Amino acid sequence: MMVQIPTTYLNDGTEVPMIGLGTANLKGFQGVNAIKSAINIGYRLLDTAYNYENEGAVGRAIKESAVSRKELFVTSKLPGRYHQYDQAIQTIQESLYRADLDYYDLYLIHWPNPNQDRYVEAWQALLDAKKWGLIRSAGVCNFLPEHLTRLKEETGVLPSINQVELHPYFNQNEQRQWHEQNGVMTQSWSPLALNKDLLDHEIIRLLAEKYHRTGAQIVLRWHYQLNSISIPRSSNPKRQLENISIFDFELMEEDMELINNMTLVDGRMNNLNPAEYEEF
């Protein structure tokens, strides 16, 4: 069975699927097989990063799959230690060499690293890489509105996507509103909160029973109805299929609100606050 996944358009006209496969920790032979499984099931968006150290596995899975490269949407990310302009350009090139790809559909700055304060320089590198055809779309991860505003002020260009921590324990309502008002697409990392008891939460269990779905399907459908692209990670073909089988039902507005109200004042996992956290 192969699922058709809806798509949306980014602010630069790039078309992107509304759900994809997170590939962190999918490495080596097993990782390649897991990614190939996802592609065969219907996944077209594959999310990797330089720091995941598995761009090679993603590229190998693409080569071994029966789906052509142009049908896939492949994302990678620039690590914080390479924000300096020349290093950023070299790192994008190295990312492509590792995956044996001619271009990435989307390339993101992984974290703003505000104390280092070179994210505008890194952003300019991504914009130039886009001009040169190394990437089709340029975006960021974990940028707060203040960081995004500065990118616009200093380069005139806002990212196409901001990938942020987003799950029912941390629904990012204000951040999502800022994105919507400024034409930036929201993407959710750890959409299932790394399963930290989320799927056993009473509200999720009751909704799963009500809609005759799994808890993960309820949460991923919530992301979809928030208009956020989710990238759940799984190496299990059965769960991979379940995770994208969410487009034949709809959560009622009151049930969306129940999930929204699960959010905590600071529901971030591991205290990864982009205003302070530095990733290298």
C-alpha atoms as a PDB file:
ATOM      1  CA  MET A   1       0.000   0.000   0.000  1.00  0.00           C
ATOM      2  CA  MET A   2       1.294   3.467  -0.901  1.00  0.00           C
ATOM      3  CA  VAL A   3      -0.175   6.641   0.599  1.00  0.00           C
ATOM      4  CA  GLN A   4      -0.507   9.873  -1.376  1.00  0.00           C
ATOM      5  CA  ILE A   5       0.657  12.755   0.820  1.00  0.00           C
ATOM      6  CA  PRO A   6      -0.775  16.266   0.303  1.00  0.00           C
ATOM      7  CA  THR A   7       1.650  19.062  -0.511  1.00  0.00           C
ATOM      8  CA  THR A   8       1.819  22.795   0.088  1.00  0.00           C
ATOM      9  CA  TYR A   9       3.798  25.674  -1.420  1.00  0.00           C
ATOM     10  CA  LEU A  10       6.468  27.680   0.387  1.00  0.00           C
ATOM     11  CA  ASN A  11       6.980  31.436   0.070  1.00  0.00           C
ATOM     12  CA  ASP A  12       9.530  30.900  -2.715  1.00  0.00           C
ATOM     13  CA  GLY A  13       7.167  28.687  -4.745  1.00  0.00           C
ATOM     14  CA  THR A  14       8.771  25.379  -3.766  1.00  0.00           C
ATOM     15  CA  GLU A  15       6.294  22.506  -3.359  1.00  0.00           C
ATOM     16  CA  VAL A  16       6.761  20.374  -0.234  1.00  0.00           C
ATOM     17  CA  PRO A  17       4.936  17.343   1.243  1.00  0.00           C
ATOM     18  CA  MET A  18       2.953  17.943   4.454  1.00  0.00           C
ATOM     19  CA  ILE A  19       4.578  15.050   6.305  1.00  0.00           C
ATOM     20  CA  GLY A  20       7.997  13.471   6.005  1.00  0.00           C
ATOM     21  CA  LEU A  21      10.451  11.053   7.550  1.00  0.00           C
ATOM     22  CA  GLY A  22      12.827  12.169  10.275  1.00  0.00           C
ATOM     23  CA  THR A  23      16.044  10.190   9.815  1.00  0.00           C
ATOM     24  CA  ALA A  24      18.123  10.970  12.925  1.00  0.00           C
ATOM     25  CA  ASN A  25      19.876   7.757  14.070  1.00  0.00           C
ATOM     26  CA  LEU A  26      18.976   5.914  10.862  1.00  0.00           C
ATOM     27  CA  LYS A  27      22.497   4.911   9.830  1.00  0.00           C
ATOM     28  CA  GLY A  28      24.364   2.218   7.971  1.00  0.00           C
ATOM     29  CA  PHE A  29      22.725  -0.787   6.316  1.00  0.00           C
ATOM     30  CA  GLN A  30      19.722  -0.787   8.656  1.00  0.00           C
ATOM     31  CA  GLY A  31      19.218   2.926   8.152  1.00  0.00           C
ATOM     32  CA  VAL A  32      19.287   2.578   4.366  1.00  0.00           C
ATOM     33  CA  ASN A  33      16.662  -0.186   4.527  1.00  0.00           C
ATOM     34  CA  ALA A  34      14.445   1.847   6.856  1.00  0.00           C
ATOM     35  CA  ILE A  35      14.586   4.885   4.563  1.00  0.00           C
ATOM     36  CA  LYS A  36      13.929   2.738   1.476  1.00  0.00           C
ATOM     37  CA  SER A  37      10.925   1.234   3.262  1.00  0.00           C
ATOM     38  CA  ALA A  38       9.535   4.708   3.901  1.00  0.00           C
ATOM     39  CA  ILE A  39      10.022   5.751   0.279  1.00  0.00           C
ATOM     40  CA  ASN A  40       8.246   2.606  -0.931  1.00  0.00           C
ATOM     41  CA  ILE A  41       5.306   3.318   1.406  1.00  0.00           C
ATOM     42  CA  GLY A  42       4.878   6.828   0.010  1.00  0.00           C
ATOM     43  CA  TYR A  43       7.191   9.182   1.915  1.00  0.00           C
ATOM     44  CA  ARG A  44       8.705  11.814  -0.346  1.00  0.00           C
ATOM     45  CA  LEU A  45      10.170  14.226   2.233  1.00  0.00           C
ATOM     46  CA  LEU A  46      13.377  12.964   3.875  1.00  0.00           C
ATOM     47  CA  ASP A  47      14.897  15.077   6.669  1.00  0.00           C
ATOM     48  CA  THR A  48      18.567  14.684   7.559  1.00  0.00           C
ATOM     49  CA  ALA A  49      21.367  16.925   8.869  1.00  0.00           C
ATOM     50  CA  TYR A  50      25.133  17.235   8.685  1.00  0.00           C
ATOM     51  CA  ASN A  51      25.282  16.474  12.414  1.00  0.00           C
ATOM     52  CA  TYR A  52      23.152  13.320  12.093  1.00  0.00           C
ATOM     53  CA  GLU A  53      26.142  11.782  10.272  1.00  0.00           C
ATOM     54  CA  ASN A  54      23.778   9.860   7.985  1.00  0.00           C
ATOM     55  CA  GLU A  55      23.558  11.934   4.817  1.00  0.00           C
ATOM     56  CA  GLY A  56      25.353   9.032   3.127  1.00  0.00           C
ATOM     57  CA  ALA A  57      22.679   6.555   4.216  1.00  0.00           C
ATOM     58  CA  VAL A  58      19.948   8.881   2.947  1.00  0.00           C
ATOM     59  CA  GLY A  59      21.698   9.258  -0.391  1.00  0.00           C
ATOM     60  CA  ARG A  60      22.256   5.513  -0.700  1.00  0.00           C
ATOM     61  CA  ALA A  61      18.570   4.816   0.039  1.00  0.00           C
ATOM     62  CA  ILE A  62      17.580   7.291  -2.666  1.00  0.00           C
ATOM     63  CA  LYS A  63      19.893   5.592  -5.163  1.00  0.00           C
ATOM     64  CA  GLU A  64      18.530   2.133  -4.304  1.00  0.00           C
ATOM     65  CA  SER A  65      14.862   3.118  -4.305  1.00  0.00           C
ATOM     66  CA  ALA A  66      12.572   2.773  -7.309  1.00  0.00           C
ATOM     67  CA  VAL A  67      11.528   6.440  -7.010  1.00  0.00           C
ATOM     68  CA  SER A  68      13.307   9.056  -9.108  1.00  0.00           C
ATOM     69  CA  ARG A  69      15.296  11.796  -7.376  1.00  0.00           C
ATOM     70  CA  LYS A  70      13.068  14.546  -8.765  1.00  0.00           C
ATOM     71  CA  GLU A  71      10.046  13.062  -6.978  1.00  0.00           C
ATOM     72  CA  LEU A  72      11.764  13.342  -3.597  1.00  0.00           C
ATOM     73  CA  PHE A  73      12.195  16.338  -1.307  1.00  0.00           C
ATOM     74  CA  VAL A  74      15.470  16.057   0.612  1.00  0.00           C
ATOM     75  CA  THR A  75      16.437  18.338   3.504  1.00  0.00           C
ATOM     76  CA  SER A  76      19.738  18.763   5.329  1.00  0.00           C
ATOM     77  CA  LYS A  77      21.061  21.236   7.886  1.00  0.00           C
ATOM     78  CA  LEU A  78      24.119  23.375   8.578  1.00  0.00           C
ATOM     79  CA  PRO A  79      25.790  22.816  11.989  1.00  0.00           C
ATOM     80  CA  GLY A  80      26.622  25.706  14.287  1.00  0.00           C
ATOM     81  CA  ARG A  81      30.380  25.281  14.041  1.00  0.00           C
ATOM     82  CA  TYR A  82      30.266  26.248  10.334  1.00  0.00           C
ATOM     83  CA  HIS A  83      28.333  29.527  10.392  1.00  0.00           C
ATOM     84  CA  GLN A  84      31.281  31.481   8.986  1.00  0.00           C
ATOM     85  CA  TYR A  85      30.441  32.229   5.329  1.00  0.00           C
ATOM     86  CA  ASP A  86      33.201  30.309   3.531  1.00  0.00           C
ATOM     87  CA  GLN A  87      32.858  27.344   5.875  1.00  0.00           C
ATOM     88  CA  ALA A  88      29.093  27.320   5.369  1.00  0.00           C
ATOM     89  CA  ILE A  89      29.484  27.133   1.590  1.00  0.00           C
ATOM     90  CA  GLN A  90      32.018  24.295   1.901  1.00  0.00           C
ATOM     91  CA  THR A  91      29.747  22.447   4.338  1.00  0.00           C
ATOM     92  CA  ILE A  92      26.786  22.599   1.950  1.00  0.00           C
ATOM     93  CA  GLN A  93      29.038  21.204  -0.774  1.00  0.00           C
ATOM     94  CA  GLU A  94      30.313  18.504   1.592  1.00  0.00           C
ATOM     95  CA  SER A  95      26.701  17.621   2.510  1.00  0.00           C
ATOM     96  CA  LEU A  96      25.981  17.063  -1.163  1.00  0.00           C
ATOM     97  CA  TYR A  97      29.117  14.943  -1.614  1.00  0.00           C
ATOM     98  CA  ARG A  98      28.216  12.799   1.383  1.00  0.00           C
ATOM     99  CA  ALA A  99      24.745  12.100   0.003  1.00  0.00           C
ATOM    100  CA  ASP A 100      25.992  11.898  -3.603  1.00  0.00           C
ATOM    101  CA  LEU A 101      23.316  14.393  -4.643  1.00  0.00           C
ATOM    102  CA  ASP A 102      23.473  17.311  -7.058  1.00  0.00           C
ATOM    103  CA  TYR A 103      21.219  19.518  -4.926  1.00  0.00           C
ATOM    104  CA  TYR A 104      19.153  19.615  -1.747  1.00  0.00           C
ATOM    105  CA  ASP A 105      15.521  20.626  -1.993  1.00  0.00           C
ATOM    106  CA  LEU A 106      15.827  22.432   1.334  1.00  0.00           C
ATOM    107  CA  TYR A 107      18.808  23.398   3.439  1.00  0.00           C
ATOM    108  CA  LEU A 108      18.397  24.767   6.961  1.00  0.00           C
ATOM    109  CA  ILE A 109      20.549  26.511   9.553  1.00  0.00           C
ATOM    110  CA  HIS A 110      20.243  23.996  12.397  1.00  0.00           C
ATOM    111  CA  TRP A 111      20.313  26.495  15.314  1.00  0.00           C
ATOM    112  CA  PRO A 112      20.806  30.280  15.456  1.00  0.00           C
ATOM    113  CA  ASN A 113      23.569  30.099  18.122  1.00  0.00           C
ATOM    114  CA  PRO A 114      22.930  33.745  19.126  1.00  0.00           C
ATOM    115  CA  ASN A 115      25.973  33.962  21.419  1.00  0.00           C
ATOM    116  CA  GLN A 116      28.185  33.120  18.466  1.00  0.00           C
ATOM    117  CA  ASP A 117      26.195  35.701  16.452  1.00  0.00           C
ATOM    118  CA  ARG A 118      27.075  34.553  12.928  1.00  0.00           C
ATOM    119  CA  TYR A 119      23.679  33.281  11.831  1.00  0.00           C
ATOM    120  CA  VAL A 120      23.118  36.210   9.420  1.00  0.00           C
ATOM    121  CA  GLU A 121      26.428  35.353   7.736  1.00  0.00           C
ATOM    122  CA  ALA A 122      25.352  31.712   7.520  1.00  0.00           C
ATOM    123  CA  TRP A 123      21.988  32.786   6.097  1.00  0.00           C
ATOM    124  CA  GLN A 124      23.721  34.760   3.347  1.00  0.00           C
ATOM    125  CA  ALA A 125      25.692  31.625   2.475  1.00  0.00           C
ATOM    126  CA  LEU A 126      22.434  29.665   2.086  1.00  0.00           C
ATOM    127  CA  LEU A 127      20.957  32.393  -0.125  1.00  0.00           C
ATOM    128  CA  ASP A 128      24.035  32.302  -2.361  1.00  0.00           C
ATOM    129  CA  ALA A 129      23.975  28.495  -2.457  1.00  0.00           C
ATOM    130  CA  LYS A 130      20.388  28.773  -3.686  1.00  0.00           C
ATOM    131  CA  LYS A 131      21.458  31.168  -6.466  1.00  0.00           C
ATOM    132  CA  TRP A 132      24.109  28.670  -7.539  1.00  0.00           C
ATOM    133  CA  GLY A 133      21.675  25.750  -7.658  1.00  0.00           C
ATOM    134  CA  LEU A 134      23.123  23.821  -4.720  1.00  0.00           C
ATOM    135  CA  ILE A 135      19.799  24.097  -2.882  1.00  0.00           C
ATOM    136  CA  ARG A 136      16.268  24.827  -4.078  1.00  0.00           C
ATOM    137  CA  SER A 137      14.955  26.446  -0.910  1.00  0.00           C
ATOM    138  CA  ALA A 138      16.608  28.040   2.127  1.00  0.00           C
ATOM    139  CA  GLY A 139      15.240  27.821   5.647  1.00  0.00           C
ATOM    140  CA  VAL A 140      16.149  27.664   9.312  1.00  0.00           C
ATOM    141  CA  CYS A 141      15.500  25.650  12.466  1.00  0.00           C
ATOM    142  CA  ASN A 142      14.782  26.881  15.977  1.00  0.00           C
ATOM    143  CA  PHE A 143      14.826  30.579  15.096  1.00  0.00           C
ATOM    144  CA  LEU A 144      12.804  32.866  17.360  1.00  0.00           C
ATOM    145  CA  PRO A 145      10.864  35.813  15.857  1.00  0.00           C
ATOM    146  CA  GLU A 146      13.692  38.161  16.873  1.00  0.00           C
ATOM    147  CA  HIS A 147      16.192  36.084  14.846  1.00  0.00           C
ATOM    148  CA  LEU A 148      13.858  35.894  11.849  1.00  0.00           C
ATOM    149  CA  THR A 149      13.232  39.638  11.949  1.00  0.00           C
ATOM    150  CA  ARG A 150      16.953  40.290  11.880  1.00  0.00           C
ATOM    151  CA  LEU A 151      17.397  38.060   8.821  1.00  0.00           C
ATOM    152  CA  LYS A 152      14.734  40.093   7.016  1.00  0.00           C
ATOM    153  CA  GLU A 153      16.229  43.416   8.084  1.00  0.00           C
ATOM    154  CA  GLU A 154      19.799  42.528   7.072  1.00  0.00           C
ATOM    155  CA  THR A 155      19.237  40.438   3.917  1.00  0.00           C
ATOM    156  CA  GLY A 156      15.706  41.282   2.808  1.00  0.00           C
ATOM    157  CA  VAL A 157      14.770  37.591   2.717  1.00  0.00           C
ATOM    158  CA  LEU A 158      12.810  35.492   5.212  1.00  0.00           C
ATOM    159  CA  PRO A 159      13.261  31.700   5.347  1.00  0.00           C
ATOM    160  CA  SER A 160      10.802  29.462   3.530  1.00  0.00           C
ATOM    161  CA  ILE A 161      10.535  27.175   6.574  1.00  0.00           C
ATOM    162  CA  ASN A 162      11.337  27.378  10.269  1.00  0.00           C
ATOM    163  CA  GLN A 163      11.635  23.911  11.793  1.00  0.00           C
ATOM    164  CA  VAL A 164      10.892  24.131  15.514  1.00  0.00           C
ATOM    165  CA  GLU A 165      10.178  21.873  18.466  1.00  0.00           C
ATOM    166  CA  LEU A 166       6.410  21.420  18.316  1.00  0.00           C
ATOM    167  CA  HIS A 167       4.182  18.837  19.983  1.00  0.00           C
ATOM    168  CA  PRO A 168       1.088  18.865  22.231  1.00  0.00           C
ATOM    169  CA  TYR A 169       3.188  19.642  25.321  1.00  0.00           C
ATOM    170  CA  PHE A 170       4.638  22.698  23.533  1.00  0.00           C
ATOM    171  CA  ASN A 171       2.255  23.939  20.868  1.00  0.00           C
ATOM    172  CA  GLN A 172       4.244  27.068  19.907  1.00  0.00           C
ATOM    173  CA  ASN A 173       1.082  29.107  19.409  1.00  0.00           C
ATOM    174  CA  GLU A 174       2.769  32.536  19.346  1.00  0.00           C
ATOM    175  CA  GLN A 175       5.611  31.337  17.140  1.00  0.00           C
ATOM    176  CA  ARG A 176       3.149  29.752  14.682  1.00  0.00           C
ATOM    177  CA  GLN A 177       1.114  32.949  14.551  1.00  0.00           C
ATOM    178  CA  TRP A 178       4.262  34.923  13.712  1.00  0.00           C
ATOM    179  CA  HIS A 179       5.079  32.458  10.939  1.00  0.00           C
ATOM    180  CA  GLU A 180       1.578  32.697   9.492  1.00  0.00           C
ATOM    181  CA  GLN A 181       1.582  36.490   9.543  1.00  0.00           C
ATOM    182  CA  ASN A 182       4.970  36.613   7.796  1.00  0.00           C
ATOM    183  CA  GLY A 183       4.607  33.807   5.246  1.00  0.00           C
ATOM    184  CA  VAL A 184       7.039  31.352   6.864  1.00  0.00           C
ATOM    185  CA  MET A 185       5.986  27.685   6.911  1.00  0.00           C
ATOM    186  CA  THR A 186       6.115  25.885  10.251  1.00  0.00           C
ATOM    187  CA  GLN A 187       7.742  22.465  10.451  1.00  0.00           C
ATOM    188  CA  SER A 188       7.569  20.298  13.599  1.00  0.00           C
ATOM    189  CA  TRP A 189      10.537  18.383  14.919  1.00  0.00           C
ATOM    190  CA  SER A 190       9.891  15.700  17.546  1.00  0.00           C
ATOM    191  CA  PRO A 191       6.172  15.908  16.664  1.00  0.00           C
ATOM    192  CA  LEU A 192       5.412  13.018  19.025  1.00  0.00           C
ATOM    193  CA  ALA A 193       7.558  14.492  21.837  1.00  0.00           C
ATOM    194  CA  LEU A 194       9.902  11.504  21.552  1.00  0.00           C
ATOM    195  CA  ASN A 195       6.966   9.466  22.930  1.00  0.00           C
ATOM    196  CA  LYS A 196       7.599  10.896  26.426  1.00  0.00           C
ATOM    197  CA  ASP A 197       4.322   9.437  27.763  1.00  0.00           C
ATOM    198  CA  LEU A 198       2.468  11.572  25.200  1.00  0.00           C
ATOM    199  CA  LEU A 199       0.727   8.634  23.534  1.00  0.00           C
ATOM    200  CA  ASP A 200      -0.398   7.372  26.953  1.00  0.00           C
ATOM    201  CA  HIS A 201      -1.884  10.720  27.924  1.00  0.00           C
ATOM    202  CA  GLU A 202      -5.572  10.387  28.790  1.00  0.00           C
ATOM    203  CA  ILE A 203      -6.703  12.927  26.174  1.00  0.00           C
ATOM    204  CA  ILE A 204      -4.744  11.233  23.386  1.00  0.00           C
ATOM    205  CA  ARG A 205      -5.996   7.785  24.424  1.00  0.00           C
ATOM    206  CA  LEU A 206      -9.632   8.954  24.516  1.00  0.00           C
ATOM    207  CA  LEU A 207      -9.346  10.594  21.102  1.00  0.00           C
ATOM    208  CA  ALA A 208      -7.674   7.490  19.666  1.00  0.00           C
ATOM    209  CA  GLU A 209     -10.685   5.457  20.846  1.00  0.00           C
ATOM    210  CA  LYS A 210     -13.154   8.048  19.546  1.00  0.00           C
ATOM    211  CA  TYR A 211     -11.674   8.152  16.039  1.00  0.00           C
ATOM    212  CA  HIS A 212     -10.550   4.500  15.946  1.00  0.00           C
ATOM    213  CA  ARG A 213      -6.966   5.562  15.314  1.00  0.00           C
ATOM    214  CA  THR A 214      -3.592   5.171  17.005  1.00  0.00           C
ATOM    215  CA  GLY A 215      -2.401   7.854  19.403  1.00  0.00           C
ATOM    216  CA  ALA A 216       0.369   8.777  16.966  1.00  0.00           C
ATOM    217  CA  GLN A 217      -2.176   9.259  14.171  1.00  0.00           C
ATOM    218  CA  ILE A 218      -4.225  11.590  16.380  1.00  0.00           C
ATOM    219  CA  VAL A 219      -1.181  13.722  17.190  1.00  0.00           C
ATOM    220  CA  LEU A 220       0.108  13.802  13.609  1.00  0.00           C
ATOM    221  CA  ARG A 221      -3.344  14.741  12.329  1.00  0.00           C
ATOM    222  CA  TRP A 222      -3.308  17.601  14.898  1.00  0.00           C
ATOM    223  CA  HIS A 223      -0.044  18.849  13.370  1.00  0.00           C
ATOM    224  CA  TYR A 224      -1.536  18.657   9.888  1.00  0.00           C
ATOM    225  CA  GLN A 225      -4.599  20.646  10.927  1.00  0.00           C
ATOM    226  CA  LEU A 226      -2.315  23.246  12.523  1.00  0.00           C
ATOM    227  CA  ASN A 227      -0.780  23.571   9.025  1.00  0.00           C
ATOM    228  CA  SER A 228       2.596  22.372  10.264  1.00  0.00           C
ATOM    229  CA  ILE A 229       4.759  19.873   8.381  1.00  0.00           C
ATOM    230  CA  SER A 230       5.688  17.025  10.737  1.00  0.00           C
ATOM    231  CA  ILE A 231       8.681  14.716  10.384  1.00  0.00           C
ATOM    232  CA  PRO A 232       8.106  11.688  12.643  1.00  0.00           C
ATOM    233  CA  ARG A 233      10.962   9.208  12.827  1.00  0.00           C
ATOM    234  CA  SER A 234      10.416   5.456  12.623  1.00  0.00           C
ATOM    235  CA  SER A 235      12.360   2.520  11.220  1.00  0.00           C
ATOM    236  CA  ASN A 236       9.373   0.168  11.562  1.00  0.00           C
ATOM    237  CA  PRO A 237       7.456  -0.228   8.253  1.00  0.00           C
ATOM    238  CA  LYS A 238       4.136  -0.743  10.058  1.00  0.00           C
ATOM    239  CA  ARG A 239       4.523   2.462  12.083  1.00  0.00           C
ATOM    240  CA  GLN A 240       5.856   4.325   9.059  1.00  0.00           C
ATOM    241  CA  LEU A 241       2.617   3.491   7.246  1.00  0.00           C
ATOM    242  CA  GLU A 242       0.458   4.360  10.260  1.00  0.00           C
ATOM    243  CA  ASN A 243       2.185   7.731  10.595  1.00  0.00           C
ATOM    244  CA  ILE A 244       1.180   8.880   7.111  1.00  0.00           C
ATOM    245  CA  SER A 245      -2.290   7.301   7.113  1.00  0.00           C
ATOM    246  CA  ILE A 246      -3.876  10.445   8.533  1.00  0.00           C
ATOM    247  CA  PHE A 247      -5.529  12.052   5.542  1.00  0.00           C
ATOM    248  CA  ASP A 248      -8.847  10.184   5.548  1.00  0.00           C
ATOM    249  CA  PHE A 249     -10.257  11.627   8.791  1.00  0.00           C
ATOM    250  CA  GLU A 250     -10.484  15.017  10.493  1.00  0.00           C
ATOM    251  CA  LEU A 251     -10.325  16.079  14.137  1.00  0.00           C
ATOM    252  CA  MET A 252     -13.292  18.140  15.278  1.00  0.00           C
ATOM    253  CA  GLU A 253     -12.499  21.684  16.395  1.00  0.00           C
ATOM    254  CA  GLU A 254     -13.249  20.912  20.045  1.00  0.00           C
ATOM    255  CA  ASP A 255     -10.837  17.975  19.913  1.00  0.00           C
ATOM    256  CA  MET A 256      -8.140  20.155  18.360  1.00  0.00           C
ATOM    257  CA  GLU A 257      -8.678  22.503  21.306  1.00  0.00           C
ATOM    258  CA  LEU A 258      -8.353  19.668  23.806  1.00  0.00           C
ATOM    259  CA  ILE A 259      -4.924  18.853  22.392  1.00  0.00           C
ATOM    260  CA  ASN A 260      -3.929  22.529  22.199  1.00  0.00           C
ATOM    261  CA  ASN A 261      -4.729  22.888  25.882  1.00  0.00           C
ATOM    262  CA  MET A 262      -2.223  20.159  26.795  1.00  0.00           C
ATOM    263  CA  THR A 263       0.590  22.662  26.223  1.00  0.00           C
ATOM    264  CA  LEU A 264       2.785  23.600  29.192  1.00  0.00           C
ATOM    265  CA  VAL A 265       4.283  26.981  30.071  1.00  0.00           C
ATOM    266  CA  ASP A 266       7.661  25.661  29.020  1.00  0.00           C
ATOM    267  CA  GLY A 267       7.057  22.252  27.554  1.00  0.00           C
ATOM    268  CA  ARG A 268      10.391  22.143  25.755  1.00  0.00           C
ATOM    269  CA  MET A 269      12.229  18.860  26.040  1.00  0.00           C
ATOM    270  CA  ASN A 270      15.731  19.069  27.504  1.00  0.00           C
ATOM    271  CA  ASN A 271      15.533  22.862  27.941  1.00  0.00           C
ATOM    272  CA  LEU A 272      16.586  23.521  24.356  1.00  0.00           C
ATOM    273  CA  ASN A 273      15.797  27.239  24.333  1.00  0.00           C
ATOM    274  CA  PRO A 274      17.061  28.854  21.088  1.00  0.00           C
ATOM    275  CA  ALA A 275      17.675  32.139  22.920  1.00  0.00           C
ATOM    276  CA  GLU A 276      20.481  30.429  24.836  1.00  0.00           C
ATOM    277  CA  TYR A 277      21.278  26.996  23.412  1.00  0.00           C
ATOM    278  CA  GLU A 278      24.413  26.645  21.288  1.00  0.00           C
ATOM    279  CA  GLU A 279      24.732  23.721  18.899  1.00  0.00           C
ATOM    280  CA  PHE A 280      28.031  22.920  17.208  1.00  0.00           C
END
